[in-house]
Protein backbone atom coordinates (compact mmCIF):
# COMPACT_ATOMS: atom_id res chain seq x y z
CA MET A 1 -216.20 39.12 41.32
CA THR A 2 -219.40 40.21 43.00
CA THR A 3 -221.74 39.14 45.80
CA VAL A 4 -225.15 37.50 45.64
CA HIS A 5 -227.51 37.69 48.61
CA VAL A 6 -229.26 34.49 49.75
CA HIS A 7 -230.81 33.75 53.15
CA ASP A 8 -229.78 37.22 54.41
CA THR A 9 -226.18 36.30 53.62
CA ALA A 10 -223.84 37.74 51.00
CA LEU A 11 -221.94 35.09 49.06
CA GLY A 12 -218.85 36.08 47.11
CA VAL A 13 -219.06 34.72 43.55
CA GLU A 14 -217.01 34.84 40.36
CA SER A 15 -218.41 33.88 36.94
CA PHE A 16 -216.74 32.49 33.84
CA GLY A 17 -218.49 32.00 30.49
CA GLY A 18 -221.77 33.23 29.07
CA ASP A 19 -224.77 33.95 31.29
CA ASP A 20 -227.05 31.86 29.09
CA ALA A 21 -224.91 28.70 29.20
CA PRO A 22 -225.71 25.74 31.51
CA LEU A 23 -224.67 26.53 35.07
CA VAL A 24 -221.84 24.70 36.85
CA LEU A 25 -221.72 25.79 40.49
CA LEU A 26 -218.42 25.24 42.34
CA ALA A 27 -218.57 25.15 46.16
CA GLY A 28 -215.26 26.22 47.62
CA GLY A 29 -213.43 24.39 50.30
CA THR A 30 -213.75 26.93 51.93
CA THR A 31 -212.86 29.79 49.58
CA MET A 32 -213.64 29.87 45.87
CA LEU A 33 -209.89 29.82 45.13
CA SER A 34 -209.93 26.10 45.92
CA TRP A 35 -211.03 25.88 42.27
CA PRO A 36 -208.06 26.92 40.06
CA ASP A 37 -208.51 29.74 37.56
CA ALA A 38 -207.32 27.58 34.67
CA LEU A 39 -209.88 24.86 35.45
CA CYS A 40 -212.73 27.38 35.60
CA GLU A 41 -211.64 28.92 32.30
CA ARG A 42 -211.37 25.52 30.61
CA LEU A 43 -214.82 24.46 31.80
CA ALA A 44 -216.29 27.73 30.58
CA ALA A 45 -214.61 27.29 27.20
CA GLY A 46 -216.65 24.11 26.80
CA GLY A 47 -219.88 26.10 26.67
CA ARG A 48 -220.69 26.34 30.38
CA ARG A 49 -221.40 29.15 32.79
CA VAL A 50 -219.03 28.41 35.65
CA VAL A 51 -219.59 30.12 39.00
CA ARG A 52 -217.27 29.52 41.93
CA TYR A 53 -218.21 30.91 45.33
CA ASP A 54 -216.97 31.41 48.87
CA LEU A 55 -218.70 29.60 51.73
CA ARG A 56 -219.82 31.71 54.66
CA ASP A 57 -217.02 33.13 56.82
CA SER A 58 -214.56 33.08 53.92
CA GLY A 59 -213.44 35.38 51.13
CA GLU A 60 -216.02 37.91 50.00
CA SER A 61 -218.91 36.16 51.77
CA THR A 62 -220.47 37.31 55.01
CA THR A 63 -218.05 36.91 57.89
CA THR A 64 -219.31 36.95 61.46
CA ASN A 65 -217.43 34.72 63.92
CA PRO A 66 -215.76 31.62 62.45
CA GLU A 67 -214.92 30.44 65.97
CA ALA A 68 -218.64 30.18 66.81
CA PRO A 69 -220.59 29.79 63.54
CA GLY A 70 -224.30 30.52 63.89
CA TYR A 71 -225.22 28.17 61.05
CA THR A 72 -225.04 24.48 60.21
CA LEU A 73 -223.84 22.28 57.37
CA ARG A 74 -227.44 22.05 56.19
CA ASP A 75 -227.58 25.86 56.05
CA LEU A 76 -224.53 25.84 53.76
CA ALA A 77 -226.28 23.22 51.61
CA ALA A 78 -229.36 25.44 51.43
CA ASP A 79 -227.11 28.32 50.35
CA ALA A 80 -225.98 26.29 47.33
CA ALA A 81 -229.55 25.61 46.23
CA ALA A 82 -230.60 29.22 46.79
CA LEU A 83 -227.56 30.46 44.87
CA ALA A 84 -228.48 28.26 41.88
CA ASP A 85 -231.94 29.83 42.04
CA ALA A 86 -230.61 33.38 42.32
CA LEU A 87 -228.34 32.84 39.33
CA GLY A 88 -231.26 31.54 37.28
CA GLY A 89 -229.47 28.27 36.58
CA ARG A 90 -231.61 25.52 38.14
CA PRO A 91 -231.07 22.67 37.78
CA ALA A 92 -227.32 23.24 38.01
CA HIS A 93 -224.34 20.93 37.95
CA LEU A 94 -222.98 21.20 41.50
CA ALA A 95 -219.35 20.43 42.36
CA GLY A 96 -217.69 20.51 45.77
CA ILE A 97 -214.07 20.06 46.78
CA GLY A 98 -212.81 19.03 50.24
CA VAL A 99 -215.24 20.29 52.86
CA GLY A 100 -217.15 21.86 49.96
CA GLY A 101 -217.79 18.28 48.86
CA MET A 102 -219.63 17.69 52.13
CA VAL A 103 -221.78 20.75 51.38
CA ALA A 104 -222.45 19.41 47.89
CA GLN A 105 -223.53 15.97 49.12
CA VAL A 106 -226.01 17.40 51.60
CA ALA A 107 -227.26 19.94 49.06
CA ALA A 108 -227.99 17.18 46.54
CA LEU A 109 -229.82 15.20 49.22
CA ASP A 110 -231.83 18.07 50.74
CA HIS A 111 -232.56 19.95 47.48
CA PRO A 112 -232.64 17.34 44.70
CA GLY A 113 -234.63 19.54 42.32
CA ALA A 114 -231.93 22.19 42.33
CA PHE A 115 -229.22 20.05 40.74
CA SER A 116 -228.86 18.04 37.55
CA ALA A 117 -225.44 16.49 38.22
CA LEU A 118 -222.91 16.19 41.03
CA THR A 119 -219.10 16.16 41.14
CA LEU A 120 -217.31 15.41 44.42
CA VAL A 121 -213.58 16.03 44.67
CA GLY A 122 -211.28 14.86 47.47
CA THR A 123 -213.98 14.61 50.11
CA ARG A 124 -215.71 12.06 52.34
CA ALA A 125 -219.22 11.08 53.39
CA VAL A 126 -218.96 11.79 57.12
CA ALA A 127 -218.53 14.98 59.12
CA PRO A 128 -215.17 16.27 60.39
CA GLY A 129 -213.94 14.19 63.30
CA PRO A 130 -213.39 10.44 63.67
CA PRO A 131 -214.59 8.61 60.53
CA ASP A 132 -216.73 5.49 60.37
CA GLY A 133 -214.82 2.30 61.14
CA ASP A 134 -214.77 1.21 57.51
CA LEU A 135 -213.36 4.52 56.25
CA PRO A 136 -209.67 5.49 56.32
CA ASP A 137 -208.78 8.38 58.60
CA HIS A 138 -206.20 11.07 57.87
CA ASP A 139 -202.68 9.66 57.52
CA GLN A 140 -201.58 9.97 61.13
CA ALA A 141 -197.84 10.34 60.51
CA THR A 142 -198.58 13.19 58.10
CA MET A 143 -201.00 14.84 60.54
CA ARG A 144 -198.41 14.72 63.34
CA ARG A 145 -195.92 16.52 61.11
CA LEU A 146 -198.51 19.07 60.02
CA PHE A 147 -199.74 19.94 63.48
CA ALA A 148 -196.35 19.83 65.20
CA ARG A 149 -195.43 23.05 63.42
CA PRO A 150 -195.88 26.38 65.23
CA THR A 151 -198.70 28.40 63.72
CA PRO A 152 -197.70 31.59 61.93
CA ASP A 153 -198.64 35.15 62.72
CA TRP A 154 -201.89 35.12 60.76
CA THR A 155 -201.63 38.87 60.18
CA ASP A 156 -198.27 38.44 58.40
CA ARG A 157 -198.93 37.66 54.72
CA GLU A 158 -195.47 36.25 53.99
CA ALA A 159 -195.40 34.10 57.11
CA VAL A 160 -198.78 32.63 56.20
CA ALA A 161 -197.64 31.92 52.64
CA GLU A 162 -194.49 30.14 53.89
CA PHE A 163 -196.57 28.15 56.39
CA ALA A 164 -198.81 26.98 53.54
CA ALA A 165 -195.83 26.07 51.36
CA ALA A 166 -194.28 23.97 54.12
CA GLY A 167 -197.59 22.22 54.73
CA ALA A 168 -197.92 21.42 51.04
CA GLY A 169 -194.51 19.79 51.09
CA ILE A 170 -195.60 17.54 53.96
CA LEU A 171 -198.79 16.60 52.08
CA GLY A 172 -196.92 15.88 48.86
CA ASP A 173 -198.36 18.91 47.05
CA ASP A 174 -196.63 21.73 45.16
CA PRO A 175 -195.13 24.20 47.69
CA ALA A 176 -194.84 27.03 45.16
CA ALA A 177 -198.47 26.72 44.14
CA ALA A 178 -199.56 26.54 47.79
CA ARG A 179 -197.53 29.64 48.63
CA ALA A 180 -199.13 31.63 45.81
CA LEU A 181 -202.62 30.42 46.69
CA ALA A 182 -202.22 31.27 50.37
CA ALA A 183 -201.14 34.81 49.46
CA ARG A 184 -204.22 35.23 47.23
CA VAL A 185 -206.50 33.91 49.97
CA TRP A 186 -204.86 36.24 52.49
CA ASP A 187 -205.42 39.21 50.19
CA ARG A 188 -209.16 38.39 49.96
CA THR A 189 -209.65 37.85 53.70
CA PRO A 190 -211.81 40.60 55.21
CA GLY A 191 -210.29 42.53 58.10
CA GLY A 192 -207.16 41.59 59.99
CA ALA A 193 -208.43 39.37 62.81
CA PRO A 194 -206.20 36.28 63.19
CA PRO A 195 -209.16 33.86 63.64
CA VAL A 196 -210.63 35.04 60.34
CA HIS A 197 -207.33 34.60 58.50
CA MET A 198 -206.92 31.15 60.05
CA ALA A 199 -210.46 30.17 59.01
CA ASN A 200 -209.84 31.30 55.43
CA GLN A 201 -206.54 29.47 55.17
CA LEU A 202 -207.41 26.21 56.93
CA GLY A 203 -211.21 25.94 56.83
CA MET A 204 -211.21 25.51 60.62
CA VAL A 205 -214.83 26.67 60.85
CA PHE A 206 -215.84 23.13 59.86
CA ALA A 207 -214.33 21.76 63.06
CA ARG A 208 -216.90 23.85 64.96
CA LEU A 209 -219.85 23.37 62.63
CA ASP A 210 -223.00 21.42 63.50
CA CYS A 211 -223.02 18.73 60.81
CA ALA A 212 -225.89 16.65 62.20
CA PRO A 213 -227.70 14.57 61.18
CA ARG A 214 -225.55 11.99 59.41
CA TRP A 215 -226.00 11.85 55.67
CA ARG A 216 -223.92 8.88 54.53
CA GLU A 217 -226.84 6.47 54.85
CA ARG A 218 -228.89 8.69 52.50
CA LEU A 219 -226.37 8.59 49.64
CA PRO A 220 -228.18 5.72 47.84
CA THR A 221 -231.14 8.10 47.30
CA ILE A 222 -229.12 10.44 45.06
CA GLU A 223 -230.47 10.03 41.53
CA VAL A 224 -228.44 12.54 39.51
CA PRO A 225 -225.32 11.52 37.55
CA THR A 226 -222.36 11.69 39.92
CA LEU A 227 -218.61 11.81 39.34
CA VAL A 228 -216.25 11.20 42.27
CA VAL A 229 -212.70 12.50 41.73
CA HIS A 230 -210.12 11.42 44.28
CA GLY A 231 -206.32 11.36 44.26
CA ARG A 232 -204.64 8.08 45.12
CA ARG A 233 -202.04 9.94 47.20
CA ASN A 234 -204.46 12.11 49.16
CA ARG A 235 -203.13 11.94 52.73
CA PHE A 236 -205.83 14.13 54.27
CA PHE A 237 -208.84 12.20 52.94
CA PRO A 238 -207.34 8.89 51.75
CA VAL A 239 -208.83 7.45 48.58
CA GLY A 240 -210.95 4.89 50.41
CA ASN A 241 -213.30 7.76 51.25
CA GLY A 242 -213.90 8.51 47.58
CA GLU A 243 -214.29 4.82 46.81
CA ALA A 244 -217.00 4.54 49.48
CA ILE A 245 -218.94 7.50 48.07
CA ALA A 246 -218.77 6.10 44.54
CA HIS A 247 -219.95 2.72 45.79
CA GLU A 248 -222.88 4.12 47.75
CA ILE A 249 -224.29 6.57 45.18
CA PRO A 250 -226.08 4.53 42.49
CA GLY A 251 -224.32 4.67 39.14
CA ALA A 252 -221.56 6.99 40.39
CA ARG A 253 -218.26 6.95 38.49
CA LEU A 254 -214.95 7.08 40.34
CA LEU A 255 -212.04 8.89 38.71
CA SER A 256 -208.77 8.35 40.56
CA GLY A 257 -205.15 7.98 39.58
CA ALA A 258 -205.58 4.31 38.70
CA GLU A 259 -208.69 4.89 36.59
CA ARG A 260 -207.03 7.73 34.72
CA ALA A 261 -203.98 5.57 33.96
CA ALA A 262 -206.21 2.76 32.73
CA SER A 263 -208.09 5.12 30.42
CA ILE A 264 -204.82 6.35 28.91
CA THR A 265 -203.44 2.85 28.30
């Protein structure tokens, strides 16, 4: 792992594969550990240079005040394009997961020359907050269970890991994997301030981020090949969000549980 400076900001990055291979840039959601080690290694084994990175206010990247971010979603999108430049990999294949998928969409729209392909995983085409009327919101019963829990002592590594494991169980994810990931994220969080730990674990900075202007209406202008990957059981961003993105980006392919099953049979 190292840092790369763009726009007077240090971004934490980790590379897999040869420096001369085609670049695949993975925007974290919010930390780079949103992208599993095994996936990065497998992509690199296919002859790619895979670079995953931390968004601002997470991991090894510049951390200021995640409760009052002095930057916007469009600034994060500009970071992605500048990072592709700094790594000497333009045009790069850009992938974003969760809120990182929002960064990736805006980056592809604002900096089309920087990217040759786009992959969007478990994300949606509108900013945090109430979705458009035709898009499914978070599963409300699940959200009530998630947010009814008392928050942990963010300075207590084990308490944070157990909190993440319990949340994964509510979401239908693997508690053991979530526990291990939360501990790794905690270990990479700079300093001991509770708001910084909370931001790294939950990506709460996005709830305070200026995400204007809307970008959903611009999706039909994306011209690069696009793959949308979305789980059918995603309770945080239900699959209708991925279906909408795939419908609105010309030629985009949707890969979900149903499509994967059909391809196997």
